[in-house]
Amino acid sequence: MIKRAIYPGTFDPITVGHLDIVKRACSMFDEITIAVAKSASKNPMFSLEQRIDMAKSATEEFPKVKVIGFEGLLVDLSDKLDANIIIRGLRAVSDFEYELQMGYANSSLKKELETIFLMPSLEYGFVSSSVVRSILPFNGKVEHLLHPTVLKMIKGYEK
């Protein structure tokens, strides 16, 4: 039986912290779908297409990973992909409270849907898309927070 998992998020942009979670999830699952959420309500810095392109570029080295965009309920996507495992990253206690509620909400909609939580490696515990977005407008150093191809893409978008 193929073990499929979904790693959903806005990925605005995808960071080395996200990639750390992906790398470790690859040792646990046969197929991982990074599901880039449209998330119009979050008013993302990058378009859905840009975020998908960045995620695809950053995960080329992971043959088990595919990247898609989605809008709607995660439970519906899990049915479409025949995947009953959701991967979520946790950096701090504040992440846990929100993610626990979301995991329970998803489980209430689809009993078979399991959420697993992975902590990033210690060196990536502070990395978030929000941190990157707060630094970018000031041309601050983000090389250590992003995959090199993502950084190159972002610099190309700024032109």
N, C-alpha and C. Protein backbone atom coordinates (compact mmCIF):
# COMPACT_ATOMS: atom_id res chain seq x y z
N MET A 1 0.84 -1.19 0.00
CA MET A 1 0.00 0.00 0.00
C MET A 1 0.88 1.26 0.00
N ILE A 2 0.60 2.17 -0.88
CA ILE A 2 1.37 3.41 -1.01
C ILE A 2 0.97 4.38 0.11
N LYS A 3 1.98 4.90 0.81
CA LYS A 3 1.73 5.88 1.86
C LYS A 3 1.86 7.28 1.25
N ARG A 4 0.71 7.95 1.15
CA ARG A 4 0.67 9.30 0.58
C ARG A 4 0.38 10.32 1.67
N ALA A 5 1.03 11.46 1.57
CA ALA A 5 0.81 12.54 2.53
C ALA A 5 0.70 13.86 1.79
N ILE A 6 0.01 14.79 2.41
CA ILE A 6 -0.14 16.15 1.89
C ILE A 6 0.52 17.10 2.86
N TYR A 7 1.34 17.99 2.32
CA TYR A 7 1.95 19.05 3.12
C TYR A 7 1.35 20.36 2.63
N PRO A 8 0.28 20.82 3.28
CA PRO A 8 -0.40 22.03 2.82
C PRO A 8 0.16 23.30 3.46
N GLY A 9 0.00 24.39 2.76
CA GLY A 9 0.41 25.68 3.31
C GLY A 9 0.36 26.76 2.26
N THR A 10 0.61 27.96 2.70
CA THR A 10 0.65 29.09 1.77
C THR A 10 2.00 29.16 1.08
N PHE A 11 3.07 28.80 1.78
CA PHE A 11 4.43 28.79 1.23
C PHE A 11 4.73 30.10 0.51
N ASP A 12 4.65 31.19 1.29
CA ASP A 12 4.75 32.54 0.74
C ASP A 12 5.97 33.28 1.30
N PRO A 13 7.18 32.90 0.93
CA PRO A 13 7.63 31.84 0.02
C PRO A 13 8.01 30.57 0.79
N ILE A 14 8.32 29.52 0.05
CA ILE A 14 8.82 28.29 0.66
C ILE A 14 10.23 28.58 1.21
N THR A 15 10.51 28.10 2.41
CA THR A 15 11.77 28.39 3.09
C THR A 15 12.59 27.12 3.31
N VAL A 16 13.80 27.30 3.82
CA VAL A 16 14.62 26.14 4.16
C VAL A 16 13.99 25.35 5.31
N GLY A 17 13.21 26.00 6.15
CA GLY A 17 12.48 25.29 7.20
C GLY A 17 11.45 24.34 6.61
N HIS A 18 10.69 24.82 5.61
CA HIS A 18 9.74 23.94 4.92
C HIS A 18 10.47 22.76 4.29
N LEU A 19 11.61 23.05 3.65
CA LEU A 19 12.35 22.00 2.96
C LEU A 19 12.92 20.98 3.94
N ASP A 20 13.26 21.40 5.13
CA ASP A 20 13.71 20.48 6.17
C ASP A 20 12.59 19.50 6.51
N ILE A 21 11.38 20.00 6.64
CA ILE A 21 10.23 19.14 6.91
C ILE A 21 10.01 18.18 5.74
N VAL A 22 10.10 18.68 4.51
CA VAL A 22 9.92 17.84 3.32
C VAL A 22 10.95 16.72 3.30
N LYS A 23 12.19 17.06 3.54
CA LYS A 23 13.27 16.07 3.50
C LYS A 23 13.00 14.94 4.49
N ARG A 24 12.61 15.28 5.69
CA ARG A 24 12.36 14.25 6.70
C ARG A 24 11.09 13.47 6.41
N ALA A 25 10.09 14.14 5.84
CA ALA A 25 8.85 13.44 5.48
C ALA A 25 9.11 12.42 4.36
N CYS A 26 10.07 12.71 3.50
CA CYS A 26 10.40 11.78 2.41
C CYS A 26 10.88 10.43 2.94
N SER A 27 11.44 10.41 4.13
CA SER A 27 11.87 9.13 4.70
C SER A 27 10.70 8.34 5.30
N MET A 28 9.54 8.99 5.42
CA MET A 28 8.38 8.35 6.04
C MET A 28 7.29 7.95 5.05
N PHE A 29 7.25 8.64 3.91
CA PHE A 29 6.14 8.44 2.97
C PHE A 29 6.65 8.14 1.57
N ASP A 30 5.80 7.46 0.80
CA ASP A 30 6.13 7.12 -0.59
C ASP A 30 5.89 8.29 -1.53
N GLU A 31 4.86 9.06 -1.24
CA GLU A 31 4.50 10.21 -2.07
C GLU A 31 4.10 11.37 -1.16
N ILE A 32 4.61 12.56 -1.48
CA ILE A 32 4.23 13.76 -0.73
C ILE A 32 3.78 14.81 -1.73
N THR A 33 2.61 15.35 -1.48
CA THR A 33 2.11 16.44 -2.30
C THR A 33 2.20 17.72 -1.49
N ILE A 34 2.99 18.65 -1.99
CA ILE A 34 3.00 19.99 -1.40
C ILE A 34 1.81 20.71 -2.04
N ALA A 35 0.85 21.05 -1.21
CA ALA A 35 -0.38 21.69 -1.68
C ALA A 35 -0.32 23.17 -1.32
N VAL A 36 -0.05 23.98 -2.32
CA VAL A 36 0.08 25.42 -2.13
C VAL A 36 -1.32 26.04 -2.15
N ALA A 37 -1.73 26.59 -1.02
CA ALA A 37 -3.07 27.14 -0.89
C ALA A 37 -3.16 28.52 -1.52
N LYS A 38 -4.26 28.75 -2.18
CA LYS A 38 -4.49 30.07 -2.79
C LYS A 38 -4.46 31.16 -1.72
N SER A 39 -5.17 30.94 -0.63
CA SER A 39 -5.14 31.81 0.56
C SER A 39 -5.29 33.30 0.27
N ALA A 40 -6.27 33.66 -0.51
CA ALA A 40 -6.50 35.07 -0.83
C ALA A 40 -6.71 35.91 0.43
N SER A 41 -7.31 35.32 1.46
CA SER A 41 -7.58 36.07 2.69
C SER A 41 -6.30 36.46 3.42
N LYS A 42 -5.20 35.74 3.17
CA LYS A 42 -3.92 36.07 3.80
C LYS A 42 -3.16 37.15 3.02
N ASN A 43 -3.68 37.52 1.86
CA ASN A 43 -3.04 38.54 1.02
C ASN A 43 -1.55 38.24 0.80
N PRO A 44 -1.26 37.12 0.13
CA PRO A 44 0.14 36.72 -0.03
C PRO A 44 0.97 37.72 -0.83
N MET A 45 2.26 37.75 -0.55
CA MET A 45 3.20 38.63 -1.25
C MET A 45 3.39 38.15 -2.70
N PHE A 46 3.37 36.82 -2.88
CA PHE A 46 3.60 36.24 -4.20
C PHE A 46 2.32 35.59 -4.71
N SER A 47 2.15 35.59 -6.02
CA SER A 47 0.95 34.99 -6.62
C SER A 47 0.98 33.47 -6.41
N LEU A 48 -0.16 32.85 -6.56
CA LEU A 48 -0.24 31.40 -6.44
C LEU A 48 0.72 30.74 -7.42
N GLU A 49 0.75 31.22 -8.65
CA GLU A 49 1.63 30.63 -9.67
C GLU A 49 3.10 30.77 -9.28
N GLN A 50 3.48 31.93 -8.75
CA GLN A 50 4.86 32.13 -8.32
C GLN A 50 5.22 31.20 -7.16
N ARG A 51 4.30 31.05 -6.22
CA ARG A 51 4.55 30.19 -5.06
C ARG A 51 4.67 28.72 -5.49
N ILE A 52 3.85 28.31 -6.44
CA ILE A 52 3.95 26.95 -6.97
C ILE A 52 5.29 26.76 -7.68
N ASP A 53 5.66 27.72 -8.51
CA ASP A 53 6.93 27.63 -9.23
C ASP A 53 8.12 27.57 -8.27
N MET A 54 8.08 28.39 -7.21
CA MET A 54 9.17 28.38 -6.24
C MET A 54 9.25 27.02 -5.53
N ALA A 55 8.10 26.48 -5.14
CA ALA A 55 8.09 25.19 -4.46
C ALA A 55 8.58 24.07 -5.38
N LYS A 56 8.18 24.10 -6.64
CA LYS A 56 8.66 23.10 -7.60
C LYS A 56 10.17 23.19 -7.76
N SER A 57 10.66 24.39 -7.90
CA SER A 57 12.09 24.61 -8.08
C SER A 57 12.89 24.12 -6.87
N ALA A 58 12.40 24.41 -5.68
CA ALA A 58 13.11 24.07 -4.45
C ALA A 58 13.07 22.58 -4.13
N THR A 59 12.13 21.85 -4.71
CA THR A 59 11.98 20.43 -4.38
C THR A 59 12.35 19.50 -5.52
N GLU A 60 13.01 20.03 -6.54
CA GLU A 60 13.40 19.19 -7.67
C GLU A 60 14.22 17.98 -7.26
N GLU A 61 15.00 18.10 -6.19
CA GLU A 61 15.87 17.00 -5.75
C GLU A 61 15.11 15.89 -5.03
N PHE A 62 13.83 16.08 -4.79
CA PHE A 62 13.03 15.10 -4.06
C PHE A 62 12.06 14.40 -5.02
N PRO A 63 12.41 13.21 -5.53
CA PRO A 63 11.55 12.55 -6.51
C PRO A 63 10.18 12.14 -5.97
N LYS A 64 10.05 12.02 -4.66
CA LYS A 64 8.76 11.63 -4.07
C LYS A 64 7.77 12.79 -3.99
N VAL A 65 8.22 14.00 -4.29
CA VAL A 65 7.42 15.20 -4.07
C VAL A 65 6.84 15.74 -5.37
N LYS A 66 5.54 16.08 -5.30
CA LYS A 66 4.93 16.85 -6.38
C LYS A 66 4.30 18.08 -5.75
N VAL A 67 4.14 19.11 -6.55
CA VAL A 67 3.61 20.38 -6.06
C VAL A 67 2.37 20.74 -6.87
N ILE A 68 1.32 21.10 -6.15
CA ILE A 68 0.08 21.53 -6.80
C ILE A 68 -0.45 22.77 -6.09
N GLY A 69 -1.31 23.50 -6.75
CA GLY A 69 -2.05 24.58 -6.11
C GLY A 69 -3.43 24.06 -5.75
N PHE A 70 -4.03 24.66 -4.72
CA PHE A 70 -5.40 24.25 -4.40
C PHE A 70 -6.15 25.38 -3.71
N GLU A 71 -7.46 25.25 -3.79
CA GLU A 71 -8.37 26.17 -3.13
C GLU A 71 -9.51 25.32 -2.60
N GLY A 72 -9.95 25.60 -1.42
CA GLY A 72 -11.06 24.82 -0.87
C GLY A 72 -10.64 24.08 0.38
N LEU A 73 -11.42 23.03 0.69
CA LEU A 73 -11.18 22.27 1.91
C LEU A 73 -10.09 21.22 1.72
N LEU A 74 -9.24 21.10 2.69
CA LEU A 74 -8.18 20.12 2.68
C LEU A 74 -8.74 18.70 2.63
N VAL A 75 -9.86 18.47 3.29
CA VAL A 75 -10.46 17.13 3.27
C VAL A 75 -10.88 16.74 1.86
N ASP A 76 -11.37 17.70 1.08
CA ASP A 76 -11.74 17.40 -0.31
C ASP A 76 -10.49 17.07 -1.13
N LEU A 77 -9.42 17.81 -0.89
CA LEU A 77 -8.17 17.52 -1.60
C LEU A 77 -7.65 16.14 -1.21
N SER A 78 -7.77 15.78 0.05
CA SER A 78 -7.29 14.47 0.50
C SER A 78 -8.06 13.34 -0.21
N ASP A 79 -9.35 13.55 -0.44
CA ASP A 79 -10.13 12.56 -1.19
C ASP A 79 -9.64 12.47 -2.63
N LYS A 80 -9.42 13.62 -3.24
CA LYS A 80 -8.98 13.68 -4.63
C LYS A 80 -7.62 12.99 -4.82
N LEU A 81 -6.73 13.17 -3.84
CA LEU A 81 -5.38 12.62 -3.94
C LEU A 81 -5.25 11.23 -3.31
N ASP A 82 -6.31 10.74 -2.69
CA ASP A 82 -6.28 9.46 -1.99
C ASP A 82 -5.15 9.46 -0.95
N ALA A 83 -5.11 10.54 -0.17
CA ALA A 83 -4.09 10.70 0.87
C ALA A 83 -4.79 11.07 2.17
N ASN A 84 -4.57 10.28 3.20
CA ASN A 84 -5.23 10.52 4.48
C ASN A 84 -4.28 10.99 5.58
N ILE A 85 -3.11 11.49 5.18
CA ILE A 85 -2.17 12.00 6.16
C ILE A 85 -1.80 13.44 5.79
N ILE A 86 -1.91 14.31 6.76
CA ILE A 86 -1.55 15.72 6.61
C ILE A 86 -0.28 15.95 7.42
N ILE A 87 0.69 16.59 6.79
CA ILE A 87 1.94 16.94 7.47
C ILE A 87 1.88 18.43 7.82
N ARG A 88 2.23 18.73 9.05
CA ARG A 88 2.30 20.12 9.48
C ARG A 88 3.58 20.32 10.28
N GLY A 89 4.21 21.45 10.08
CA GLY A 89 5.42 21.78 10.82
C GLY A 89 5.08 22.60 12.05
N LEU A 90 5.81 22.35 13.13
CA LEU A 90 5.63 23.10 14.38
C LEU A 90 6.97 23.69 14.80
N ARG A 91 6.99 24.99 15.01
CA ARG A 91 8.20 25.65 15.50
C ARG A 91 8.09 26.01 16.97
N ALA A 92 6.91 26.38 17.40
CA ALA A 92 6.74 26.89 18.77
C ALA A 92 5.39 26.46 19.32
N VAL A 93 5.21 26.67 20.61
CA VAL A 93 3.94 26.32 21.27
C VAL A 93 2.78 27.04 20.60
N SER A 94 2.98 28.27 20.17
CA SER A 94 1.90 29.03 19.52
C SER A 94 1.45 28.34 18.23
N ASP A 95 2.38 27.73 17.49
CA ASP A 95 2.01 26.96 16.30
C ASP A 95 1.14 25.77 16.69
N PHE A 96 1.52 25.11 17.80
CA PHE A 96 0.83 23.89 18.20
C PHE A 96 -0.65 24.14 18.48
N GLU A 97 -0.97 25.20 19.17
CA GLU A 97 -2.37 25.47 19.52
C GLU A 97 -3.23 25.62 18.26
N TYR A 98 -2.76 26.40 17.31
CA TYR A 98 -3.49 26.59 16.05
C TYR A 98 -3.58 25.28 15.27
N GLU A 99 -2.45 24.59 15.13
CA GLU A 99 -2.41 23.37 14.33
C GLU A 99 -3.25 22.25 14.96
N LEU A 100 -3.27 22.18 16.26
CA LEU A 100 -4.10 21.19 16.95
C LEU A 100 -5.57 21.42 16.63
N GLN A 101 -6.01 22.67 16.69
CA GLN A 101 -7.40 23.00 16.36
C GLN A 101 -7.73 22.63 14.91
N MET A 102 -6.81 22.96 13.99
CA MET A 102 -7.03 22.63 12.58
C MET A 102 -7.07 21.12 12.37
N GLY A 103 -6.19 20.40 13.05
CA GLY A 103 -6.17 18.94 12.93
C GLY A 103 -7.48 18.34 13.41
N TYR A 104 -7.98 18.83 14.54
CA TYR A 104 -9.26 18.34 15.05
C TYR A 104 -10.41 18.71 14.11
N ALA A 105 -10.38 19.92 13.58
CA ALA A 105 -11.44 20.34 12.65
C ALA A 105 -11.45 19.45 11.41
N ASN A 106 -10.27 19.18 10.85
CA ASN A 106 -10.19 18.30 9.68
C ASN A 106 -10.66 16.90 10.01
N SER A 107 -10.29 16.41 11.19
CA SER A 107 -10.71 15.08 11.62
C SER A 107 -12.22 15.01 11.82
N SER A 108 -12.82 16.11 12.23
CA SER A 108 -14.28 16.12 12.41
C SER A 108 -15.01 16.05 11.07
N LEU A 109 -14.33 16.51 10.01
CA LEU A 109 -14.91 16.46 8.66
C LEU A 109 -14.63 15.13 7.97
N LYS A 110 -13.52 14.48 8.34
CA LYS A 110 -13.14 13.21 7.74
C LYS A 110 -12.37 12.41 8.78
N LYS A 111 -13.06 11.43 9.35
CA LYS A 111 -12.51 10.66 10.46
C LYS A 111 -11.17 9.99 10.13
N GLU A 112 -10.99 9.56 8.89
CA GLU A 112 -9.77 8.83 8.50
C GLU A 112 -8.55 9.74 8.32
N LEU A 113 -8.76 11.04 8.32
CA LEU A 113 -7.68 11.99 8.08
C LEU A 113 -6.84 12.17 9.34
N GLU A 114 -5.55 11.86 9.24
CA GLU A 114 -4.62 12.00 10.35
C GLU A 114 -3.69 13.17 10.09
N THR A 115 -3.39 13.92 11.12
CA THR A 115 -2.42 15.01 11.02
C THR A 115 -1.20 14.62 11.84
N ILE A 116 -0.02 14.72 11.21
CA ILE A 116 1.21 14.48 11.96
C ILE A 116 1.99 15.78 12.01
N PHE A 117 2.64 15.99 13.12
CA PHE A 117 3.39 17.22 13.34
C PHE A 117 4.88 16.91 13.34
N LEU A 118 5.64 17.66 12.56
CA LEU A 118 7.09 17.52 12.53
C LEU A 118 7.72 18.84 12.95
N MET A 119 8.70 18.75 13.80
CA MET A 119 9.44 19.94 14.20
C MET A 119 10.61 20.09 13.24
N PRO A 120 10.91 21.33 12.85
CA PRO A 120 12.10 21.51 12.01
C PRO A 120 13.35 21.24 12.84
N SER A 121 14.44 20.98 12.16
CA SER A 121 15.73 20.87 12.85
C SER A 121 15.98 22.16 13.61
N LEU A 122 16.73 22.06 14.69
CA LEU A 122 16.98 23.20 15.57
C LEU A 122 17.46 24.44 14.81
N GLU A 123 18.31 24.26 13.83
CA GLU A 123 18.86 25.40 13.09
C GLU A 123 17.79 26.15 12.29
N TYR A 124 16.64 25.52 12.05
CA TYR A 124 15.57 26.16 11.28
C TYR A 124 14.36 26.55 12.13
N GLY A 125 14.48 26.41 13.44
CA GLY A 125 13.35 26.66 14.33
C GLY A 125 12.79 28.07 14.27
N PHE A 126 13.59 29.04 13.86
CA PHE A 126 13.14 30.43 13.80
C PHE A 126 12.68 30.85 12.40
N VAL A 127 12.90 29.99 11.41
CA VAL A 127 12.64 30.36 10.02
C VAL A 127 11.16 30.25 9.71
N SER A 128 10.62 31.31 9.12
CA SER A 128 9.23 31.30 8.67
C SER A 128 9.11 32.19 7.44
N SER A 129 8.06 31.94 6.69
CA SER A 129 7.79 32.81 5.53
C SER A 129 7.58 34.24 5.98
N SER A 130 6.95 34.43 7.13
CA SER A 130 6.70 35.78 7.66
C SER A 130 8.01 36.53 7.90
N VAL A 131 8.99 35.83 8.45
CA VAL A 131 10.30 36.45 8.70
C VAL A 131 10.91 36.87 7.37
N VAL A 132 10.86 35.98 6.37
CA VAL A 132 11.41 36.30 5.06
C VAL A 132 10.70 37.51 4.46
N ARG A 133 9.37 37.51 4.52
CA ARG A 133 8.61 38.63 3.94
C ARG A 133 8.90 39.95 4.65
N SER A 134 9.22 39.90 5.94
CA SER A 134 9.51 41.14 6.66
C SER A 134 10.90 41.69 6.31
N ILE A 135 11.79 40.83 5.86
CA ILE A 135 13.15 41.25 5.51
C ILE A 135 13.25 41.70 4.05
N LEU A 136 12.52 41.05 3.17
CA LEU A 136 12.63 41.31 1.72
C LEU A 136 12.48 42.78 1.32
N PRO A 137 11.49 43.52 1.81
CA PRO A 137 11.32 44.90 1.35
C PRO A 137 12.52 45.81 1.66
N PHE A 138 13.35 45.39 2.61
CA PHE A 138 14.50 46.19 3.01
C PHE A 138 15.81 45.68 2.41
N ASN A 139 15.68 44.76 1.45
CA ASN A 139 16.85 44.14 0.81
C ASN A 139 17.81 43.53 1.83
N GLY A 140 17.24 43.01 2.92
CA GLY A 140 18.06 42.36 3.94
C GLY A 140 18.52 40.99 3.49
N LYS A 141 19.43 40.43 4.23
CA LYS A 141 20.02 39.14 3.90
C LYS A 141 19.02 38.00 4.19
N VAL A 142 18.67 37.26 3.16
CA VAL A 142 17.76 36.11 3.31
C VAL A 142 18.34 34.84 2.69
N GLU A 143 19.59 34.89 2.25
CA GLU A 143 20.22 33.75 1.59
C GLU A 143 20.19 32.49 2.45
N HIS A 144 20.30 32.65 3.76
CA HIS A 144 20.33 31.51 4.67
C HIS A 144 18.92 30.98 4.99
N LEU A 145 17.90 31.68 4.51
CA LEU A 145 16.52 31.30 4.79
C LEU A 145 15.81 30.65 3.61
N LEU A 146 16.41 30.77 2.42
CA LEU A 146 15.76 30.32 1.19
C LEU A 146 16.68 29.40 0.38
N HIS A 147 16.07 28.50 -0.35
CA HIS A 147 16.81 27.68 -1.32
C HIS A 147 17.37 28.63 -2.38
N PRO A 148 18.57 28.40 -2.88
CA PRO A 148 19.16 29.32 -3.86
C PRO A 148 18.28 29.60 -5.09
N THR A 149 17.56 28.59 -5.57
CA THR A 149 16.72 28.85 -6.75
C THR A 149 15.53 29.74 -6.40
N VAL A 150 15.02 29.61 -5.17
CA VAL A 150 13.91 30.46 -4.73
C VAL A 150 14.39 31.90 -4.61
N LEU A 151 15.56 32.10 -4.04
CA LEU A 151 16.12 33.44 -3.93
C LEU A 151 16.29 34.07 -5.31
N LYS A 152 16.80 33.30 -6.24
CA LYS A 152 16.99 33.80 -7.61
C LYS A 152 15.64 34.17 -8.24
N MET A 153 14.63 33.34 -8.02
CA MET A 153 13.29 33.63 -8.57
C MET A 153 12.74 34.92 -7.97
N ILE A 154 12.88 35.08 -6.67
CA ILE A 154 12.36 36.28 -6.00
C ILE A 154 13.05 37.51 -6.54
N LYS A 155 14.36 37.47 -6.71
CA LYS A 155 15.08 38.61 -7.27
C LYS A 155 14.61 38.91 -8.68
N GLY A 156 14.25 37.88 -9.43
CA GLY A 156 13.71 38.07 -10.78
C GLY A 156 12.33 38.71 -10.76
N TYR A 157 11.53 38.40 -9.76
CA TYR A 157 10.18 38.99 -9.66
C TYR A 157 10.26 40.48 -9.35
N GLU A 158 11.33 40.89 -8.64
CA GLU A 158 11.47 42.29 -8.22
C GLU A 158 11.80 43.22 -9.37
N LYS A 159 12.27 42.67 -10.48
CA LYS A 159 12.68 43.51 -11.61
C LYS A 159 11.51 43.99 -12.42
